[in-house]
Amino acid sequence: MTKQTDNNIELVSDMVSRYPDEWIFFEVVEDDEYGHPHKGRLIAHDTDRAKIQEIAVQSDVYHAAVWYTGELVPEGSIILL
């Protein structure tokens, strides 16, 4: 697990590209016109969702998000609802 110590604000798309197939936890500092996170400050990233959720629960960040940067459903899979 990697926790960030810098206060670098960046595009969420850059965070997603830099940490493929990982969970990222970031403070949202700017939303786009649709209300989706656009810019943020990366707090932590890891392949283990439980580790990221533990950090998120203990965080005092008001506006934050936890995202998975990989494919949630493997290509070629069929989802039945």
PDB file of N, CA and C in Angstrom:
ATOM      1  N   MET A   1       0.853  -1.171   0.000  1.00  0.00           N
ATOM      2  CA  MET A   1       0.000   0.000   0.000  1.00  0.00           C
ATOM      3  C   MET A   1       0.889   1.221   0.000  1.00  0.00           C
ATOM      4  N   THR A   2       0.496   2.211  -0.780  1.00  0.00           N
ATOM      5  CA  THR A   2       1.261   3.439  -0.849  1.00  0.00           C
ATOM      6  C   THR A   2       0.384   4.607  -0.473  1.00  0.00           C
ATOM      7  N   LYS A   3       0.793   5.311   0.563  1.00  0.00           N
ATOM      8  CA  LYS A   3       0.117   6.538   0.947  1.00  0.00           C
ATOM      9  C   LYS A   3       0.930   7.697   0.400  1.00  0.00           C
ATOM     10  N   GLN A   4       0.257   8.685  -0.113  1.00  0.00           N
ATOM     11  CA  GLN A   4       0.924   9.848  -0.672  1.00  0.00           C
ATOM     12  C   GLN A   4       1.151  10.894   0.415  1.00  0.00           C
ATOM     13  N   THR A   5       2.248  11.606   0.310  1.00  0.00           N
ATOM     14  CA  THR A   5       2.538  12.654   1.277  1.00  0.00           C
ATOM     15  C   THR A   5       2.565  14.029   0.636  1.00  0.00           C
ATOM     16  N   ASP A   6       2.529  14.088  -0.684  1.00  0.00           N
ATOM     17  CA  ASP A   6       2.531  15.400  -1.333  1.00  0.00           C
ATOM     18  C   ASP A   6       1.105  15.925  -1.473  1.00  0.00           C
ATOM     19  N   ASN A   7       0.981  17.167  -1.804  1.00  0.00           N
ATOM     20  CA  ASN A   7      -0.336  17.794  -1.961  1.00  0.00           C
ATOM     21  C   ASN A   7      -0.604  18.137  -3.415  1.00  0.00           C
ATOM     22  N   ASN A   8      -0.078  17.337  -4.319  1.00  0.00           N
ATOM     23  CA  ASN A   8      -0.195  17.579  -5.745  1.00  0.00           C
ATOM     24  C   ASN A   8      -1.631  17.372  -6.225  1.00  0.00           C
ATOM     25  N   ILE A   9      -2.206  18.389  -6.838  1.00  0.00           N
ATOM     26  CA  ILE A   9      -3.541  18.285  -7.434  1.00  0.00           C
ATOM     27  C   ILE A   9      -3.360  17.910  -8.895  1.00  0.00           C
ATOM     28  N   GLU A  10      -4.102  16.881  -9.326  1.00  0.00           N
ATOM     29  CA  GLU A  10      -3.969  16.411 -10.699  1.00  0.00           C
ATOM     30  C   GLU A  10      -5.319  15.937 -11.234  1.00  0.00           C
ATOM     31  N   LEU A  11      -5.360  15.712 -12.534  1.00  0.00           N
ATOM     32  CA  LEU A  11      -6.563  15.176 -13.153  1.00  0.00           C
ATOM     33  C   LEU A  11      -6.795  13.751 -12.663  1.00  0.00           C
ATOM     34  N   VAL A  12      -8.037  13.415 -12.423  1.00  0.00           N
ATOM     35  CA  VAL A  12      -8.376  12.054 -12.003  1.00  0.00           C
ATOM     36  C   VAL A  12      -7.972  11.070 -13.099  1.00  0.00           C
ATOM     37  N   SER A  13      -8.129  11.443 -14.341  1.00  0.00           N
ATOM     38  CA  SER A  13      -7.747  10.554 -15.444  1.00  0.00           C
ATOM     39  C   SER A  13      -6.256  10.221 -15.413  1.00  0.00           C
ATOM     40  N   ASP A  14      -5.416  11.142 -14.955  1.00  0.00           N
ATOM     41  CA  ASP A  14      -3.982  10.867 -14.833  1.00  0.00           C
ATOM     42  C   ASP A  14      -3.713   9.860 -13.722  1.00  0.00           C
ATOM     43  N   MET A  15      -4.440   9.972 -12.607  1.00  0.00           N
ATOM     44  CA  MET A  15      -4.290   9.006 -11.516  1.00  0.00           C
ATOM     45  C   MET A  15      -4.676   7.612 -11.995  1.00  0.00           C
ATOM     46  N   VAL A  16      -5.786   7.534 -12.710  1.00  0.00           N
ATOM     47  CA  VAL A  16      -6.282   6.251 -13.220  1.00  0.00           C
ATOM     48  C   VAL A  16      -5.249   5.629 -14.168  1.00  0.00           C
ATOM     49  N   SER A  17      -4.654   6.436 -15.028  1.00  0.00           N
ATOM     50  CA  SER A  17      -3.654   5.929 -15.977  1.00  0.00           C
ATOM     51  C   SER A  17      -2.380   5.472 -15.279  1.00  0.00           C
ATOM     52  N   ARG A  18      -1.982   6.176 -14.237  1.00  0.00           N
ATOM     53  CA  ARG A  18      -0.724   5.880 -13.559  1.00  0.00           C
ATOM     54  C   ARG A  18      -0.788   4.615 -12.695  1.00  0.00           C
ATOM     55  N   TYR A  19      -1.970   4.266 -12.207  1.00  0.00           N
ATOM     56  CA  TYR A  19      -2.118   3.103 -11.318  1.00  0.00           C
ATOM     57  C   TYR A  19      -3.140   2.116 -11.889  1.00  0.00           C
ATOM     58  N   PRO A  20      -2.802   1.459 -13.008  1.00  0.00           N
ATOM     59  CA  PRO A  20      -3.761   0.523 -13.615  1.00  0.00           C
ATOM     60  C   PRO A  20      -4.042  -0.671 -12.708  1.00  0.00           C
ATOM     61  N   ASP A  21      -5.280  -1.098 -12.707  1.00  0.00           N
ATOM     62  CA  ASP A  21      -5.733  -2.269 -11.948  1.00  0.00           C
ATOM     63  C   ASP A  21      -5.464  -2.142 -10.448  1.00  0.00           C
ATOM     64  N   GLU A  22      -5.628  -0.925  -9.928  1.00  0.00           N
ATOM     65  CA  GLU A  22      -5.471  -0.675  -8.499  1.00  0.00           C
ATOM     66  C   GLU A  22      -6.677   0.109  -7.988  1.00  0.00           C
ATOM     67  N   TRP A  23      -6.820   0.103  -6.674  1.00  0.00           N
ATOM     68  CA  TRP A  23      -7.804   0.943  -6.003  1.00  0.00           C
ATOM     69  C   TRP A  23      -7.115   2.244  -5.638  1.00  0.00           C
ATOM     70  N   ILE A  24      -7.774   3.364  -5.918  1.00  0.00           N
ATOM     71  CA  ILE A  24      -7.217   4.656  -5.544  1.00  0.00           C
ATOM     72  C   ILE A  24      -8.209   5.378  -4.628  1.00  0.00           C
ATOM     73  N   PHE A  25      -7.668   6.084  -3.672  1.00  0.00           N
ATOM     74  CA  PHE A  25      -8.453   6.906  -2.750  1.00  0.00           C
ATOM     75  C   PHE A  25      -7.916   8.320  -2.887  1.00  0.00           C
ATOM     76  N   PHE A  26      -8.800   9.247  -3.216  1.00  0.00           N
ATOM     77  CA  PHE A  26      -8.344  10.613  -3.442  1.00  0.00           C
ATOM     78  C   PHE A  26      -9.360  11.627  -2.932  1.00  0.00           C
ATOM     79  N   GLU A  27      -8.828  12.783  -2.569  1.00  0.00           N
ATOM     80  CA  GLU A  27      -9.668  13.921  -2.193  1.00  0.00           C
ATOM     81  C   GLU A  27     -10.103  14.598  -3.484  1.00  0.00           C
ATOM     82  N   VAL A  28     -11.385  14.843  -3.632  1.00  0.00           N
ATOM     83  CA  VAL A  28     -11.909  15.520  -4.807  1.00  0.00           C
ATOM     84  C   VAL A  28     -11.809  17.025  -4.566  1.00  0.00           C
ATOM     85  N   VAL A  29     -11.102  17.720  -5.454  1.00  0.00           N
ATOM     86  CA  VAL A  29     -10.969  19.166  -5.305  1.00  0.00           C
ATOM     87  C   VAL A  29     -11.734  19.938  -6.376  1.00  0.00           C
ATOM     88  N   GLU A  30     -12.137  19.224  -7.437  1.00  0.00           N
ATOM     89  CA  GLU A  30     -12.934  19.881  -8.488  1.00  0.00           C
ATOM     90  C   GLU A  30     -13.773  18.841  -9.216  1.00  0.00           C
ATOM     91  N   ASP A  31     -15.057  19.147  -9.404  1.00  0.00           N
ATOM     92  CA  ASP A  31     -15.957  18.297 -10.177  1.00  0.00           C
ATOM     93  C   ASP A  31     -16.113  18.871 -11.575  1.00  0.00           C
ATOM     94  N   ASP A  32     -16.498  18.019 -12.524  1.00  0.00           N
ATOM     95  CA  ASP A  32     -16.784  18.512 -13.866  1.00  0.00           C
ATOM     96  C   ASP A  32     -18.206  19.064 -13.914  1.00  0.00           C
ATOM     97  N   GLU A  33     -18.652  19.456 -15.089  1.00  0.00           N
ATOM     98  CA  GLU A  33     -19.980  20.071 -15.226  1.00  0.00           C
ATOM     99  C   GLU A  33     -21.118  19.106 -14.910  1.00  0.00           C
ATOM    100  N   TYR A  34     -20.817  17.811 -14.846  1.00  0.00           N
ATOM    101  CA  TYR A  34     -21.826  16.802 -14.530  1.00  0.00           C
ATOM    102  C   TYR A  34     -21.774  16.350 -13.074  1.00  0.00           C
ATOM    103  N   GLY A  35     -20.868  16.925 -12.300  1.00  0.00           N
ATOM    104  CA  GLY A  35     -20.744  16.574 -10.895  1.00  0.00           C
ATOM    105  C   GLY A  35     -19.842  15.386 -10.624  1.00  0.00           C
ATOM    106  N   HIS A  36     -19.096  14.947 -11.637  1.00  0.00           N
ATOM    107  CA  HIS A  36     -18.158  13.828 -11.475  1.00  0.00           C
ATOM    108  C   HIS A  36     -16.783  14.369 -11.091  1.00  0.00           C
ATOM    109  N   PRO A  37     -16.029  13.644 -10.284  1.00  0.00           N
ATOM    110  CA  PRO A  37     -14.686  14.098  -9.916  1.00  0.00           C
ATOM    111  C   PRO A  37     -13.816  14.336 -11.147  1.00  0.00           C
ATOM    112  N   HIS A  38     -13.188  15.505 -11.209  1.00  0.00           N
ATOM    113  CA  HIS A  38     -12.346  15.879 -12.341  1.00  0.00           C
ATOM    114  C   HIS A  38     -10.881  16.049 -11.918  1.00  0.00           C
ATOM    115  N   LYS A  39     -10.667  16.722 -10.790  1.00  0.00           N
ATOM    116  CA  LYS A  39      -9.320  16.916 -10.253  1.00  0.00           C
ATOM    117  C   LYS A  39      -9.306  16.486  -8.799  1.00  0.00           C
ATOM    118  N   GLY A  40      -8.140  16.005  -8.374  1.00  0.00           N
ATOM    119  CA  GLY A  40      -8.059  15.551  -6.999  1.00  0.00           C
ATOM    120  C   GLY A  40      -6.644  15.472  -6.482  1.00  0.00           C
ATOM    121  N   ARG A  41      -6.559  15.104  -5.229  1.00  0.00           N
ATOM    122  CA  ARG A  41      -5.291  14.927  -4.534  1.00  0.00           C
ATOM    123  C   ARG A  41      -5.227  13.470  -4.093  1.00  0.00           C
ATOM    124  N   LEU A  42      -4.333  12.689  -4.692  1.00  0.00           N
ATOM    125  CA  LEU A  42      -4.212  11.270  -4.384  1.00  0.00           C
ATOM    126  C   LEU A  42      -3.776  11.086  -2.940  1.00  0.00           C
ATOM    127  N   ILE A  43      -4.491  10.231  -2.215  1.00  0.00           N
ATOM    128  CA  ILE A  43      -4.159   9.949  -0.822  1.00  0.00           C
ATOM    129  C   ILE A  43      -3.491   8.581  -0.701  1.00  0.00           C
ATOM    130  N   ALA A  44      -4.004   7.566  -1.405  1.00  0.00           N
ATOM    131  CA  ALA A  44      -3.423   6.225  -1.338  1.00  0.00           C
ATOM    132  C   ALA A  44      -3.846   5.407  -2.545  1.00  0.00           C
ATOM    133  N   HIS A  45      -3.045   4.375  -2.841  1.00  0.00           N
ATOM    134  CA  HIS A  45      -3.384   3.426  -3.902  1.00  0.00           C
ATOM    135  C   HIS A  45      -2.841   2.063  -3.532  1.00  0.00           C
ATOM    136  N   ASP A  46      -3.549   1.021  -3.951  1.00  0.00           N
ATOM    137  CA  ASP A  46      -3.127  -0.354  -3.657  1.00  0.00           C
ATOM    138  C   ASP A  46      -3.985  -1.305  -4.479  1.00  0.00           C
ATOM    139  N   THR A  47      -3.511  -2.524  -4.640  1.00  0.00           N
ATOM    140  CA  THR A  47      -4.303  -3.548  -5.326  1.00  0.00           C
ATOM    141  C   THR A  47      -5.341  -4.162  -4.388  1.00  0.00           C
ATOM    142  N   ASP A  48      -5.179  -3.972  -3.097  1.00  0.00           N
ATOM    143  CA  ASP A  48      -6.069  -4.548  -2.091  1.00  0.00           C
ATOM    144  C   ASP A  48      -7.131  -3.535  -1.666  1.00  0.00           C
ATOM    145  N   ARG A  49      -8.359  -3.807  -2.028  1.00  0.00           N
ATOM    146  CA  ARG A  49      -9.462  -2.896  -1.711  1.00  0.00           C
ATOM    147  C   ARG A  49      -9.621  -2.677  -0.203  1.00  0.00           C
ATOM    148  N   ALA A  50      -9.449  -3.715   0.592  1.00  0.00           N
ATOM    149  CA  ALA A  50      -9.627  -3.609   2.042  1.00  0.00           C
ATOM    150  C   ALA A  50      -8.660  -2.599   2.651  1.00  0.00           C
ATOM    151  N   LYS A  51      -7.438  -2.584   2.175  1.00  0.00           N
ATOM    152  CA  LYS A  51      -6.455  -1.622   2.695  1.00  0.00           C
ATOM    153  C   LYS A  51      -6.876  -0.187   2.388  1.00  0.00           C
ATOM    154  N   ILE A  52      -7.353   0.033   1.171  1.00  0.00           N
ATOM    155  CA  ILE A  52      -7.778   1.381   0.782  1.00  0.00           C
ATOM    156  C   ILE A  52      -9.012   1.793   1.571  1.00  0.00           C
ATOM    157  N   GLN A  53      -9.953   0.884   1.763  1.00  0.00           N
ATOM    158  CA  GLN A  53     -11.145   1.216   2.526  1.00  0.00           C
ATOM    159  C   GLN A  53     -10.804   1.531   3.978  1.00  0.00           C
ATOM    160  N   GLU A  54      -9.830   0.845   4.532  1.00  0.00           N
ATOM    161  CA  GLU A  54      -9.409   1.128   5.902  1.00  0.00           C
ATOM    162  C   GLU A  54      -8.872   2.561   6.019  1.00  0.00           C
ATOM    163  N   ILE A  55      -8.067   2.962   5.057  1.00  0.00           N
ATOM    164  CA  ILE A  55      -7.540   4.326   5.045  1.00  0.00           C
ATOM    165  C   ILE A  55      -8.679   5.323   4.866  1.00  0.00           C
ATOM    166  N   ALA A  56      -9.596   5.029   3.963  1.00  0.00           N
ATOM    167  CA  ALA A  56     -10.715   5.936   3.689  1.00  0.00           C
ATOM    168  C   ALA A  56     -11.592   6.140   4.925  1.00  0.00           C
ATOM    169  N   VAL A  57     -11.869   5.066   5.645  1.00  0.00           N
ATOM    170  CA  VAL A  57     -12.712   5.155   6.838  1.00  0.00           C
ATOM    171  C   VAL A  57     -12.043   5.999   7.924  1.00  0.00           C
ATOM    172  N   GLN A  58     -10.731   5.905   8.023  1.00  0.00           N
ATOM    173  CA  GLN A  58     -10.005   6.642   9.047  1.00  0.00           C
ATOM    174  C   GLN A  58      -9.697   8.088   8.640  1.00  0.00           C
ATOM    175  N   SER A  59      -9.946   8.419   7.388  1.00  0.00           N
ATOM    176  CA  SER A  59      -9.613   9.745   6.870  1.00  0.00           C
ATOM    177  C   SER A  59     -10.619  10.790   7.331  1.00  0.00           C
ATOM    178  N   ASP A  60     -10.147  12.021   7.433  1.00  0.00           N
ATOM    179  CA  ASP A  60     -11.038  13.126   7.775  1.00  0.00           C
ATOM    180  C   ASP A  60     -11.325  14.011   6.554  1.00  0.00           C
ATOM    181  N   VAL A  61     -11.054  13.487   5.362  1.00  0.00           N
ATOM    182  CA  VAL A  61     -11.313  14.222   4.129  1.00  0.00           C
ATOM    183  C   VAL A  61     -12.818  14.291   3.897  1.00  0.00           C
ATOM    184  N   TYR A  62     -13.321  15.493   3.627  1.00  0.00           N
ATOM    185  CA  TYR A  62     -14.758  15.701   3.476  1.00  0.00           C
ATOM    186  C   TYR A  62     -15.295  15.187   2.135  1.00  0.00           C
ATOM    187  N   HIS A  63     -14.655  15.560   1.049  1.00  0.00           N
ATOM    188  CA  HIS A  63     -15.121  15.183  -0.297  1.00  0.00           C
ATOM    189  C   HIS A  63     -14.066  14.262  -0.904  1.00  0.00           C
ATOM    190  N   ALA A  64     -14.313  12.964  -0.875  1.00  0.00           N
ATOM    191  CA  ALA A  64     -13.334  11.993  -1.343  1.00  0.00           C
ATOM    192  C   ALA A  64     -14.005  10.915  -2.180  1.00  0.00           C
ATOM    193  N   ALA A  65     -13.176  10.120  -2.858  1.00  0.00           N
ATOM    194  CA  ALA A  65     -13.687   9.033  -3.681  1.00  0.00           C
ATOM    195  C   ALA A  65     -12.728   7.855  -3.630  1.00  0.00           C
ATOM    196  N   VAL A  66     -13.287   6.661  -3.789  1.00  0.00           N
ATOM    197  CA  VAL A  66     -12.508   5.432  -3.929  1.00  0.00           C
ATOM    198  C   VAL A  66     -12.917   4.825  -5.264  1.00  0.00           C
ATOM    199  N   TRP A  67     -11.948   4.634  -6.130  1.00  0.00           N
ATOM    200  CA  TRP A  67     -12.214   4.086  -7.463  1.00  0.00           C
ATOM    201  C   TRP A  67     -11.303   2.900  -7.738  1.00  0.00           C
ATOM    202  N   TYR A  68     -11.810   1.956  -8.540  1.00  0.00           N
ATOM    203  CA  TYR A  68     -10.977   0.888  -9.081  1.00  0.00           C
ATOM    204  C   TYR A  68     -10.608   1.297 -10.495  1.00  0.00           C
ATOM    205  N   THR A  69      -9.330   1.216 -10.840  1.00  0.00           N
ATOM    206  CA  THR A  69      -8.871   1.725 -12.132  1.00  0.00           C
ATOM    207  C   THR A  69      -8.851   0.676 -13.241  1.00  0.00           C
ATOM    208  N   GLY A  70      -9.209  -0.558 -12.910  1.00  0.00           N
ATOM    209  CA  GLY A  70      -9.216  -1.623 -13.913  1.00  0.00           C
ATOM    210  C   GLY A  70     -10.617  -1.964 -14.356  1.00  0.00           C
ATOM    211  N   GLU A  71     -10.724  -3.080 -15.043  1.00  0.00           N
ATOM    212  CA  GLU A  71     -12.010  -3.576 -15.508  1.00  0.00           C
ATOM    213  C   GLU A  71     -12.738  -4.252 -14.354  1.00  0.00           C
ATOM    214  N   LEU A  72     -13.947  -3.823 -14.055  1.00  0.00           N
ATOM    215  CA  LEU A  72     -14.720  -4.452 -12.989  1.00  0.00           C
ATOM    216  C   LEU A  72     -15.300  -5.786 -13.435  1.00  0.00           C
ATOM    217  N   VAL A  73     -15.628  -5.879 -14.707  1.00  0.00           N
ATOM    218  CA  VAL A  73     -16.160  -7.116 -15.271  1.00  0.00           C
ATOM    219  C   VAL A  73     -15.202  -7.543 -16.383  1.00  0.00           C
ATOM    220  N   PRO A  74     -14.634  -8.735 -16.287  1.00  0.00           N
ATOM    221  CA  PRO A  74     -13.695  -9.186 -17.325  1.00  0.00           C
ATOM    222  C   PRO A  74     -14.333  -9.138 -18.716  1.00  0.00           C
ATOM    223  N   GLU A  75     -13.541  -8.750 -19.705  1.00  0.00           N
ATOM    224  CA  GLU A  75     -14.021  -8.678 -21.079  1.00  0.00           C
ATOM    225  C   GLU A  75     -14.552 -10.042 -21.515  1.00  0.00           C
ATOM    226  N   GLY A  76     -15.683 -10.036 -22.186  1.00  0.00           N
ATOM    227  CA  GLY A  76     -16.279 -11.269 -22.653  1.00  0.00           C
ATOM    228  C   GLY A  76     -17.287 -11.872 -21.674  1.00  0.00           C
ATOM    229  N   SER A  77     -17.381 -11.282 -20.467  1.00  0.00           N
ATOM    230  CA  SER A  77     -18.333 -11.777 -19.484  1.00  0.00           C
ATOM    231  C   SER A  77     -19.711 -11.219 -19.754  1.00  0.00           C
ATOM    232  N   ILE A  78     -20.706 -11.947 -19.323  1.00  0.00           N
ATOM    233  CA  ILE A  78     -22.093 -11.497 -19.453  1.00  0.00           C
ATOM    234  C   ILE A  78     -22.666 -11.304 -18.064  1.00  0.00           C
ATOM    235  N   ILE A  79     -23.338 -10.178 -17.855  1.00  0.00           N
ATOM    236  CA  ILE A  79     -23.944  -9.882 -16.559  1.00  0.00           C
ATOM    237  C   ILE A  79     -25.449 -10.064 -16.681  1.00  0.00           C
ATOM    238  N   LEU A  80     -26.016 -10.847 -15.810  1.00  0.00           N
ATOM    239  CA  LEU A  80     -27.462 -11.051 -15.775  1.00  0.00           C
ATOM    240  C   LEU A  80     -28.014 -10.313 -14.581  1.00  0.00           C
ATOM    241  N   LEU A  81     -29.031  -9.522 -14.820  1.00  0.00           N
ATOM    242  CA  LEU A  81     -29.663  -8.776 -13.725  1.00  0.00           C
ATOM    243  C   LEU A  81     -31.014  -9.353 -13.398  1.00  0.00           C
TER     244      LEU A  81
END
